[in-house]
C-alpha atoms as a PDB file:
ATOM      1  CA  MET A   1     -91.963-223.781 303.734  1.00  0.00           C
ATOM      2  CA  ALA A   2     -89.648-226.411 305.447  1.00  0.00           C
ATOM      3  CA  ARG A   3     -87.193-223.995 306.971  1.00  0.00           C
ATOM      4  CA  SER A   4     -87.714-221.993 309.896  1.00  0.00           C
ATOM      5  CA  LEU A   5     -87.846-218.599 309.427  1.00  0.00           C
ATOM      6  CA  PRO A   6     -89.505-215.796 310.236  1.00  0.00           C
ATOM      7  CA  LEU A   7     -90.338-216.259 313.653  1.00  0.00           C
ATOM      8  CA  ALA A   8     -87.138-218.307 313.240  1.00  0.00           C
ATOM      9  CA  LEU A   9     -85.156-215.692 311.191  1.00  0.00           C
ATOM     10  CA  LEU A  10     -84.448-215.130 314.582  1.00  0.00           C
ATOM     11  CA  LEU A  11     -84.708-218.579 316.237  1.00  0.00           C
ATOM     12  CA  ALA A  12     -82.704-220.522 313.719  1.00  0.00           C
ATOM     13  CA  LEU A  13     -79.626-218.657 314.126  1.00  0.00           C
ATOM     14  CA  PRO A  14     -76.680-220.812 315.025  1.00  0.00           C
ATOM     15  CA  LEU A  15     -74.476-219.548 317.972  1.00  0.00           C
ATOM     16  CA  GLY A  16     -70.921-219.324 318.357  1.00  0.00           C
ATOM     17  CA  GLY A  17     -67.851-218.718 315.885  1.00  0.00           C
ATOM     18  CA  ALA A  18     -69.251-216.767 312.926  1.00  0.00           C
ATOM     19  CA  LEU A  19     -72.050-215.329 315.113  1.00  0.00           C
ATOM     20  CA  ALA A  20     -69.749-212.938 317.039  1.00  0.00           C
ATOM     21  CA  GLN A  21     -68.506-211.506 313.809  1.00  0.00           C
ATOM     22  CA  THR A  22     -72.062-210.862 312.436  1.00  0.00           C
ATOM     23  CA  LEU A  23     -73.795-209.300 315.498  1.00  0.00           C
ATOM     24  CA  PRO A  24     -75.299-205.756 315.406  1.00  0.00           C
ATOM     25  CA  PRO A  25     -72.483-203.340 316.464  1.00  0.00           C
ATOM     26  CA  GLY A  26     -72.235-203.106 320.372  1.00  0.00           C
ATOM     27  CA  VAL A  27     -73.716-206.467 320.874  1.00  0.00           C
ATOM     28  CA  SER A  28     -71.806-209.499 322.532  1.00  0.00           C
ATOM     29  CA  GLU A  29     -72.821-212.997 322.367  1.00  0.00           C
ATOM     30  CA  ALA A  30     -73.442-212.734 326.193  1.00  0.00           C
ATOM     31  CA  GLN A  31     -76.372-210.537 325.323  1.00  0.00           C
ATOM     32  CA  LEU A  32     -78.136-213.072 323.075  1.00  0.00           C
ATOM     33  CA  PRO A  33     -81.556-214.825 323.878  1.00  0.00           C
ATOM     34  CA  ALA A  34     -81.168-218.052 325.730  1.00  0.00           C
ATOM     35  CA  PRO A  35     -82.332-221.123 323.898  1.00  0.00           C
ATOM     36  CA  ALA A  36     -86.250-221.687 324.343  1.00  0.00           C
ATOM     37  CA  LYS A  37     -88.050-224.815 324.800  1.00  0.00           C
ATOM     38  CA  THR A  38     -91.787-223.833 325.233  1.00  0.00           C
ATOM     39  CA  ARG A  39     -93.730-222.167 322.496  1.00  0.00           C
ATOM     40  CA  ALA A  40     -94.227-218.974 324.658  1.00  0.00           C
ATOM     41  CA  GLY A  41     -90.527-219.086 325.275  1.00  0.00           C
ATOM     42  CA  ARG A  42     -89.740-219.430 321.595  1.00  0.00           C
ATOM     43  CA  GLU A  43     -92.065-216.287 320.881  1.00  0.00           C
ATOM     44  CA  GLN A  44     -90.281-214.415 323.612  1.00  0.00           C
ATOM     45  CA  GLN A  45     -86.900-215.322 322.154  1.00  0.00           C
ATOM     46  CA  ALA A  46     -88.067-214.316 318.758  1.00  0.00           C
ATOM     47  CA  VAL A  47     -89.055-210.865 320.003  1.00  0.00           C
ATOM     48  CA  GLU A  48     -85.631-210.562 321.625  1.00  0.00           C
ATOM     49  CA  TRP A  49     -83.940-211.611 318.438  1.00  0.00           C
ATOM     50  CA  PHE A  50     -86.164-209.062 316.506  1.00  0.00           C
ATOM     51  CA  ASN A  51     -85.109-206.281 318.822  1.00  0.00           C
ATOM     52  CA  LEU A  52     -81.408-207.363 318.591  1.00  0.00           C
ATOM     53  CA  PHE A  53     -81.426-206.911 314.668  1.00  0.00           C
ATOM     54  CA  ASP A  54     -83.910-204.063 314.551  1.00  0.00           C
ATOM     55  CA  THR A  55     -80.838-201.696 315.071  1.00  0.00           C
ATOM     56  CA  ASP A  56     -82.607-198.501 314.223  1.00  0.00           C
ATOM     57  CA  HIS A  57     -85.555-199.359 316.485  1.00  0.00           C
ATOM     58  CA  ASP A  58     -88.333-198.507 314.136  1.00  0.00           C
ATOM     59  CA  GLY A  59     -90.219-201.723 314.796  1.00  0.00           C
ATOM     60  CA  ARG A  60     -89.470-203.640 311.570  1.00  0.00           C
ATOM     61  CA  LEU A  61     -86.398-205.306 310.064  1.00  0.00           C
ATOM     62  CA  SER A  62     -84.879-204.125 306.960  1.00  0.00           C
ATOM     63  CA  ARG A  63     -82.992-206.419 304.557  1.00  0.00           C
ATOM     64  CA  LYS A  64     -80.026-204.333 305.705  1.00  0.00           C
ATOM     65  CA  GLU A  65     -80.609-204.996 309.169  1.00  0.00           C
ATOM     66  CA  ALA A  66     -81.150-208.724 308.430  1.00  0.00           C
ATOM     67  CA  ARG A  67     -77.991-209.086 306.338  1.00  0.00           C
ATOM     68  CA  MET A  68     -76.166-210.387 309.486  1.00  0.00           C
ATOM     69  CA  ALA A  69     -78.424-213.193 309.914  1.00  0.00           C
ATOM     70  CA  PHE A  70     -78.158-213.825 306.011  1.00  0.00           C
ATOM     71  CA  ALA A  71     -74.365-214.169 306.317  1.00  0.00           C
ATOM     72  CA  LEU A  72     -75.023-216.828 309.008  1.00  0.00           C
ATOM     73  CA  ARG A  73     -77.714-218.791 306.850  1.00  0.00           C
ATOM     74  CA  PRO A  74     -77.806-217.710 303.316  1.00  0.00           C
ATOM     75  CA  SER A  75     -81.204-219.416 303.003  1.00  0.00           C
ATOM     76  CA  LEU A  76     -82.793-216.798 305.320  1.00  0.00           C
ATOM     77  CA  ALA A  77     -82.609-214.376 302.628  1.00  0.00           C
ATOM     78  CA  GLU A  78     -85.356-216.331 300.606  1.00  0.00           C
ATOM     79  CA  ASP A  79     -87.432-216.873 303.743  1.00  0.00           C
ATOM     80  CA  PHE A  80     -87.333-213.122 304.457  1.00  0.00           C
ATOM     81  CA  ALA A  81     -88.846-212.521 301.026  1.00  0.00           C
ATOM     82  CA  LYS A  82     -91.620-215.170 301.689  1.00  0.00           C
ATOM     83  CA  ALA A  83     -92.472-213.527 305.079  1.00  0.00           C
ATOM     84  CA  ASP A  84     -92.580-210.005 303.709  1.00  0.00           C
ATOM     85  CA  LEU A  85     -96.349-210.313 303.007  1.00  0.00           C
ATOM     86  CA  ASN A  86     -96.753-206.957 301.847  1.00  0.00           C
ATOM     87  CA  GLY A  87     -93.573-206.776 299.906  1.00  0.00           C
ATOM     88  CA  ASP A  88     -92.385-203.553 301.430  1.00  0.00           C
ATOM     89  CA  GLY A  89     -88.832-204.777 301.982  1.00  0.00           C
ATOM     90  CA  TYR A  90     -89.248-204.971 305.771  1.00  0.00           C
ATOM     91  CA  LEU A  91     -90.455-207.627 308.208  1.00  0.00           C
ATOM     92  CA  THR A  92     -92.774-206.594 311.098  1.00  0.00           C
ATOM     93  CA  GLN A  93     -93.442-208.602 314.200  1.00  0.00           C
ATOM     94  CA  ASP A  94     -97.056-208.966 312.845  1.00  0.00           C
ATOM     95  CA  GLU A  95     -95.688-210.444 309.517  1.00  0.00           C
ATOM     96  CA  ILE A  96     -93.385-212.783 311.494  1.00  0.00           C
ATOM     97  CA  ARG A  97     -96.072-213.929 313.659  1.00  0.00           C
ATOM     98  CA  ALA A  98     -98.541-214.460 310.705  1.00  0.00           C
ATOM     99  CA  VAL A  99     -95.915-216.685 309.045  1.00  0.00           C
ATOM    100  CA  ALA A 100     -95.355-218.606 312.193  1.00  0.00           C
ATOM    101  CA  GLU A 101     -99.172-219.240 312.514  1.00  0.00           C
ATOM    102  CA  ARG A 102     -99.465-220.371 309.061  1.00  0.00           C
ATOM    103  CA  ARG A 103     -96.646-222.912 309.418  1.00  0.00           C
ATOM    104  CA  ARG A 104     -97.895-224.103 312.866  1.00  0.00           C
ATOM    105  CA  ALA A 105    -101.289-224.823 311.206  1.00  0.00           C
ATOM    106  CA  GLU A 106     -99.504-226.622 308.367  1.00  0.00           C
ATOM    107  CA  ARG A 107     -97.627-228.753 310.842  1.00  0.00           C
ATOM    108  CA  GLN A 108    -100.869-229.561 312.738  1.00  0.00           C
ATOM    109  CA  GLN A 109    -102.509-230.520 309.461  1.00  0.00           C
ATOM    110  CA  ARG A 110     -99.623-232.608 308.398  1.00  0.00           C
ATOM    111  CA  ARG A 111     -99.394-234.344 311.843  1.00  0.00           C
ATOM    112  CA  GLN A 112    -103.289-235.210 311.591  1.00  0.00           C
ATOM    113  CA  ARG A 113    -102.864-236.610 308.158  1.00  0.00           C
ATOM    114  CA  GLU A 114     -99.970-238.880 309.314  1.00  0.00           C
ATOM    115  CA  ALA A 115    -101.878-240.083 312.262  1.00  0.00           C
ATOM    116  CA  GLU A 116    -104.852-240.828 310.194  1.00  0.00           C
ATOM    117  CA  GLN A 117    -102.739-242.895 307.622  1.00  0.00           C
ATOM    118  CA  ARG A 118    -101.072-244.537 310.709  1.00  0.00           C
ATOM    119  CA  ALA A 119    -104.508-245.549 311.906  1.00  0.00           C
ATOM    120  CA  ALA A 120    -105.859-246.766 308.612  1.00  0.00           C
ATOM    121  CA  THR A 121    -102.698-248.830 307.972  1.00  0.00           C
ATOM    122  CA  GLY A 122    -103.071-250.277 311.435  1.00  0.00           C
ATOM    123  CA  ALA A 123    -106.707-251.137 310.863  1.00  0.00           C
ATOM    124  CA  THR A 124    -105.889-252.729 307.301  1.00  0.00           C
ATOM    125  CA  SER A 125    -102.932-254.780 308.812  1.00  0.00           C
ATOM    126  CA  ALA A 126    -105.031-255.789 311.806  1.00  0.00           C
ATOM    127  CA  ARG A 127    -107.537-257.791 309.580  1.00  0.00           C
END
């Protein structure tokens, strides 16, 4: 999955303009999580986004709760379905974390392969 949701269903949302029209009732842009730069900060930000969209506070996001995010970025609907690991129509923080960990591992493997290819190419051209 090249796009960035589940942890990022919450992280990838653009700020401004259309966002104000799609926030949960009673939430203003001033209440939105600040952009994060570290892994720990991004995880904390994801939890804040999760809690923001979990309007019934049941610890999971329904498609209905996530529809505001889908309005901002329609591709998130597909990401939601892929992240819903048990197919129950809800995302939990555990499902989001599992997908984020899988993506992190995939990125690390890709970077390792790319580094190995660069090293092999460099060794070949040095001869």
